[in-house]
Amino acid sequence: MGVINRVKIIKPHASGWPFIAIIALSGFIIGTVFGIPFIFSICFALVAIYLFRIQLSTISLDQNAIVAPLNGTITHAETNNLPYELVPFYLPYKNIGIRSGLLSAASLHAPASIKIIQKQKIEDTNRRSILIKALILDSIENNNSGEIIMIFSSSMSFLYPECSVEVQDTLSKGQNFGFLPFGGKLDLLVSDNFSTSRVVNQTCISGETILAVLD
């Protein structure tokens, strides 16, 4: 019963349904070869629903805390004194990296209560990315800590991450606003006034794990 109840609460991201339909159809076609198309189709669909599921998180109530926008493993957490390669940022700043695998929940969640002030598509030969720049709306009064930048990159070079927000939109901490099909990575840039609370190779839960806290 426990397994059945857990399956019932799995909710796929709305933008994932086209992928789920394609995968289910692929299962049907493959299953036709073995004479059991519907079984294959259902199994493939269930796997796809799991891959494109929304993370159900327990949101931190600490207003000065930045939570993980993405499920995955922390690849780096460092202070930089040079401009970030894609955008200028306050110097010095913290750069926290997260890599999300294929089996991680694909949903993206707001790292704090934020207001979107920039959304930009970035494309090069190796990746397609979405840059989100936002103002932090939580009770953080220091002017040097009021902005945050997130750069999401899909692991599939031909796909952009799905980010269903536009400039001037506001999000509450932990709110779902997009997803990364088939995994990807994130660079999270915050002011050096924040201290990181996680170390490299630790796993994090989107919308829940605290990555940084205002000093």
Protein backbone atom coordinates (compact mmCIF):
# COMPACT_ATOMS: atom_id res chain seq x y z
CA MET A 1 0.00 0.00 0.00
CA GLY A 2 2.88 2.37 0.77
CA VAL A 3 4.25 2.05 -2.76
CA ILE A 4 0.80 2.59 -4.28
CA ASN A 5 0.24 5.71 -2.18
CA ARG A 6 3.60 7.12 -3.25
CA VAL A 7 2.77 6.52 -6.90
CA LYS A 8 -0.56 8.33 -6.48
CA ILE A 9 1.12 11.56 -5.35
CA ILE A 10 3.57 11.68 -8.26
CA LYS A 11 2.60 14.69 -10.35
CA PRO A 12 4.30 15.34 -13.70
CA HIS A 13 5.10 18.88 -14.80
CA ALA A 14 2.53 20.15 -17.31
CA SER A 15 5.21 20.77 -19.94
CA GLY A 16 6.30 17.15 -19.63
CA TRP A 17 3.12 15.65 -21.08
CA PRO A 18 4.28 15.84 -24.73
CA PHE A 19 7.43 13.90 -23.79
CA ILE A 20 5.34 11.40 -21.84
CA ALA A 21 3.03 10.88 -24.83
CA ILE A 22 5.98 10.34 -27.20
CA ILE A 23 7.64 7.87 -24.83
CA ALA A 24 4.37 5.98 -24.31
CA LEU A 25 3.87 5.79 -28.08
CA SER A 26 7.42 4.47 -28.46
CA GLY A 27 6.58 1.80 -25.90
CA PHE A 28 3.47 0.87 -27.85
CA ILE A 29 5.47 0.50 -31.08
CA ILE A 30 8.19 -1.57 -29.41
CA GLY A 31 5.58 -3.67 -27.59
CA THR A 32 3.87 -4.45 -30.88
CA VAL A 33 6.96 -6.41 -31.91
CA PHE A 34 6.58 -8.62 -28.82
CA GLY A 35 2.79 -8.86 -29.07
CA ILE A 36 2.10 -6.89 -25.86
CA PRO A 37 1.86 -3.25 -27.01
CA PHE A 38 -0.39 -1.97 -24.21
CA ILE A 39 1.79 -3.36 -21.43
CA PHE A 40 4.88 -1.74 -22.94
CA SER A 41 3.01 1.51 -23.50
CA ILE A 42 1.82 1.68 -19.88
CA CYS A 43 5.27 0.81 -18.50
CA PHE A 44 7.00 3.40 -20.67
CA ALA A 45 4.40 6.03 -19.71
CA LEU A 46 4.89 5.35 -15.97
CA VAL A 47 8.67 5.68 -16.33
CA ALA A 48 8.21 8.96 -18.24
CA ILE A 49 5.82 10.32 -15.59
CA TYR A 50 8.45 9.53 -12.95
CA LEU A 51 11.19 11.28 -14.95
CA PHE A 52 9.13 14.47 -15.39
CA ARG A 53 7.70 14.56 -11.87
CA ILE A 54 7.44 17.71 -9.76
CA GLN A 55 9.43 17.68 -6.55
CA LEU A 56 7.19 17.93 -3.46
CA SER A 57 9.24 19.99 -1.02
CA THR A 58 9.18 21.14 2.58
CA ILE A 59 9.85 24.86 2.26
CA SER A 60 12.33 26.52 4.65
CA LEU A 61 10.77 29.35 6.68
CA ASP A 62 14.12 31.14 7.11
CA GLN A 63 13.65 34.35 5.12
CA ASN A 64 17.40 34.91 4.84
CA ALA A 65 18.05 31.46 3.37
CA ILE A 66 18.49 30.55 -0.29
CA VAL A 67 17.17 27.07 -1.13
CA ALA A 68 18.13 24.81 -4.01
CA PRO A 69 16.24 25.59 -7.25
CA LEU A 70 17.08 22.15 -8.64
CA ASN A 71 17.48 18.56 -7.46
CA GLY A 72 20.93 17.11 -7.89
CA THR A 73 24.51 17.08 -6.69
CA ILE A 74 26.53 20.16 -5.78
CA THR A 75 29.47 20.44 -8.18
CA HIS A 76 31.06 23.61 -6.78
CA ALA A 77 30.53 26.29 -4.17
CA GLU A 78 33.14 28.99 -4.47
CA THR A 79 33.81 32.70 -4.16
CA ASN A 80 34.86 34.48 -7.36
CA ASN A 81 36.47 37.88 -7.81
CA LEU A 82 36.20 38.04 -11.60
CA PRO A 83 33.08 38.69 -13.71
CA TYR A 84 31.00 35.61 -14.44
CA GLU A 85 31.50 34.41 -18.02
CA LEU A 86 27.92 35.19 -19.12
CA VAL A 87 26.89 38.23 -17.10
CA PRO A 88 28.51 40.92 -14.93
CA PHE A 89 27.79 40.46 -11.25
CA TYR A 90 28.64 42.08 -7.94
CA LEU A 91 32.24 41.37 -6.94
CA PRO A 92 33.02 39.22 -5.14
CA TYR A 93 30.16 36.72 -5.38
CA LYS A 94 29.30 33.12 -4.58
CA ASN A 95 28.86 30.68 -7.46
CA ILE A 96 27.06 27.46 -6.53
CA GLY A 97 26.74 24.71 -9.13
CA ILE A 98 24.24 21.84 -9.19
CA ARG A 99 24.11 18.96 -11.66
CA SER A 100 20.82 17.08 -12.06
CA GLY A 101 20.75 13.53 -13.42
CA LEU A 102 18.17 11.80 -15.57
CA LEU A 103 16.43 10.18 -12.58
CA SER A 104 16.21 13.38 -10.52
CA ALA A 105 12.87 15.19 -10.33
CA ALA A 106 12.93 17.63 -13.23
CA SER A 107 11.06 20.53 -11.63
CA LEU A 108 12.59 23.95 -10.93
CA HIS A 109 11.69 25.90 -7.79
CA ALA A 110 12.22 29.50 -6.68
CA PRO A 111 15.22 29.73 -4.30
CA ALA A 112 13.59 32.59 -2.38
CA SER A 113 10.64 34.95 -2.74
CA ILE A 114 11.73 36.75 -5.90
CA LYS A 115 10.68 39.16 -8.64
CA ILE A 116 11.96 38.41 -12.14
CA ILE A 117 13.84 41.34 -13.71
CA GLN A 118 15.53 39.57 -16.62
CA LYS A 119 14.96 36.41 -18.66
CA GLN A 120 17.33 35.55 -21.47
CA LYS A 121 18.01 32.61 -23.76
CA ILE A 122 21.65 31.70 -24.24
CA GLU A 123 22.85 29.36 -26.97
CA ASP A 124 26.30 28.11 -27.93
CA THR A 125 27.68 25.00 -29.64
CA ASN A 126 27.48 22.85 -26.49
CA ARG A 127 24.35 23.92 -24.64
CA ARG A 128 21.13 25.86 -24.54
CA SER A 129 20.52 27.81 -21.36
CA ILE A 130 18.01 30.12 -19.73
CA LEU A 131 19.29 32.98 -17.58
CA ILE A 132 16.97 34.27 -14.87
CA LYS A 133 17.91 37.40 -12.92
CA ALA A 134 15.71 38.33 -9.98
CA LEU A 135 15.32 40.59 -6.97
CA ILE A 136 15.02 38.86 -3.61
CA LEU A 137 11.78 39.93 -1.92
CA ASP A 138 12.36 38.28 1.46
CA SER A 139 13.30 40.51 4.38
CA ILE A 140 16.90 41.03 3.26
CA GLU A 141 17.69 44.72 3.70
CA ASN A 142 21.32 44.84 2.58
CA ASN A 143 21.40 46.41 -0.90
CA ASN A 144 24.34 44.25 -1.98
CA SER A 145 22.40 41.04 -1.40
CA GLY A 146 19.20 41.91 -3.21
CA GLU A 147 19.85 40.16 -6.53
CA ILE A 148 20.22 36.55 -7.58
CA ILE A 149 21.08 34.99 -10.94
CA MET A 150 20.22 31.46 -12.08
CA ILE A 151 21.53 29.93 -15.30
CA PHE A 152 19.81 26.64 -16.17
CA SER A 153 21.32 24.43 -18.88
CA SER A 154 19.72 21.31 -20.34
CA SER A 155 21.78 18.14 -20.70
CA MET A 156 20.25 17.81 -24.18
CA SER A 157 22.07 20.28 -26.42
CA PHE A 158 18.99 20.79 -28.64
CA LEU A 159 16.56 21.61 -25.80
CA TYR A 160 16.05 24.76 -23.77
CA PRO A 161 15.03 24.41 -20.12
CA GLU A 162 11.33 25.12 -19.58
CA CYS A 163 10.90 28.29 -17.50
CA SER A 164 7.28 29.47 -17.32
CA VAL A 165 8.03 32.95 -15.93
CA GLU A 166 8.37 36.36 -17.50
CA VAL A 167 9.85 39.70 -16.45
CA GLN A 168 7.93 41.32 -13.56
CA ASP A 169 6.51 37.96 -12.37
CA THR A 170 6.84 37.26 -8.65
CA LEU A 171 7.39 33.82 -7.11
CA SER A 172 7.16 32.62 -3.54
CA LYS A 173 9.99 30.55 -2.10
CA GLY A 174 9.79 26.97 -3.35
CA GLN A 175 7.20 27.73 -6.04
CA ASN A 176 7.53 25.55 -9.14
CA PHE A 177 8.23 27.57 -12.30
CA GLY A 178 9.70 25.16 -14.84
CA PHE A 179 11.55 21.94 -15.47
CA LEU A 180 14.70 20.48 -17.00
CA PRO A 181 13.86 17.60 -19.34
CA PHE A 182 16.37 14.75 -19.07
CA GLY A 183 18.45 16.55 -16.44
CA GLY A 184 20.97 19.35 -16.73
CA LYS A 185 22.85 21.82 -14.58
CA LEU A 186 22.50 25.11 -12.74
CA ASP A 187 24.85 27.96 -11.88
CA LEU A 188 23.46 29.99 -8.98
CA LEU A 189 25.06 33.38 -8.32
CA VAL A 190 24.50 35.26 -5.08
CA SER A 191 26.26 38.11 -3.30
CA ASP A 192 29.30 37.30 -1.19
CA ASN A 193 27.25 38.46 1.80
CA PHE A 194 25.83 34.94 1.82
CA SER A 195 27.70 32.04 3.35
CA THR A 196 27.28 28.63 1.73
CA SER A 197 25.92 25.84 3.89
CA ARG A 198 26.62 22.89 1.59
CA VAL A 199 29.78 21.29 0.29
CA VAL A 200 30.79 19.74 -3.01
CA ASN A 201 29.29 16.30 -3.83
CA GLN A 202 26.41 16.67 -1.36
CA THR A 203 22.94 16.11 -2.77
CA CYS A 204 20.22 18.73 -2.55
CA ILE A 205 16.42 18.74 -2.83
CA SER A 206 14.78 21.38 -5.00
CA GLY A 207 12.82 23.94 -2.99
CA GLU A 208 13.98 22.47 0.31
CA THR A 209 17.75 22.19 0.85
CA ILE A 210 19.32 25.42 2.13
CA LEU A 211 22.32 26.38 0.00
CA ALA A 212 23.26 29.76 1.47
CA VAL A 213 22.33 32.03 4.37
CA LEU A 214 22.82 35.78 4.71
CA ASP A 215 25.71 36.50 7.08
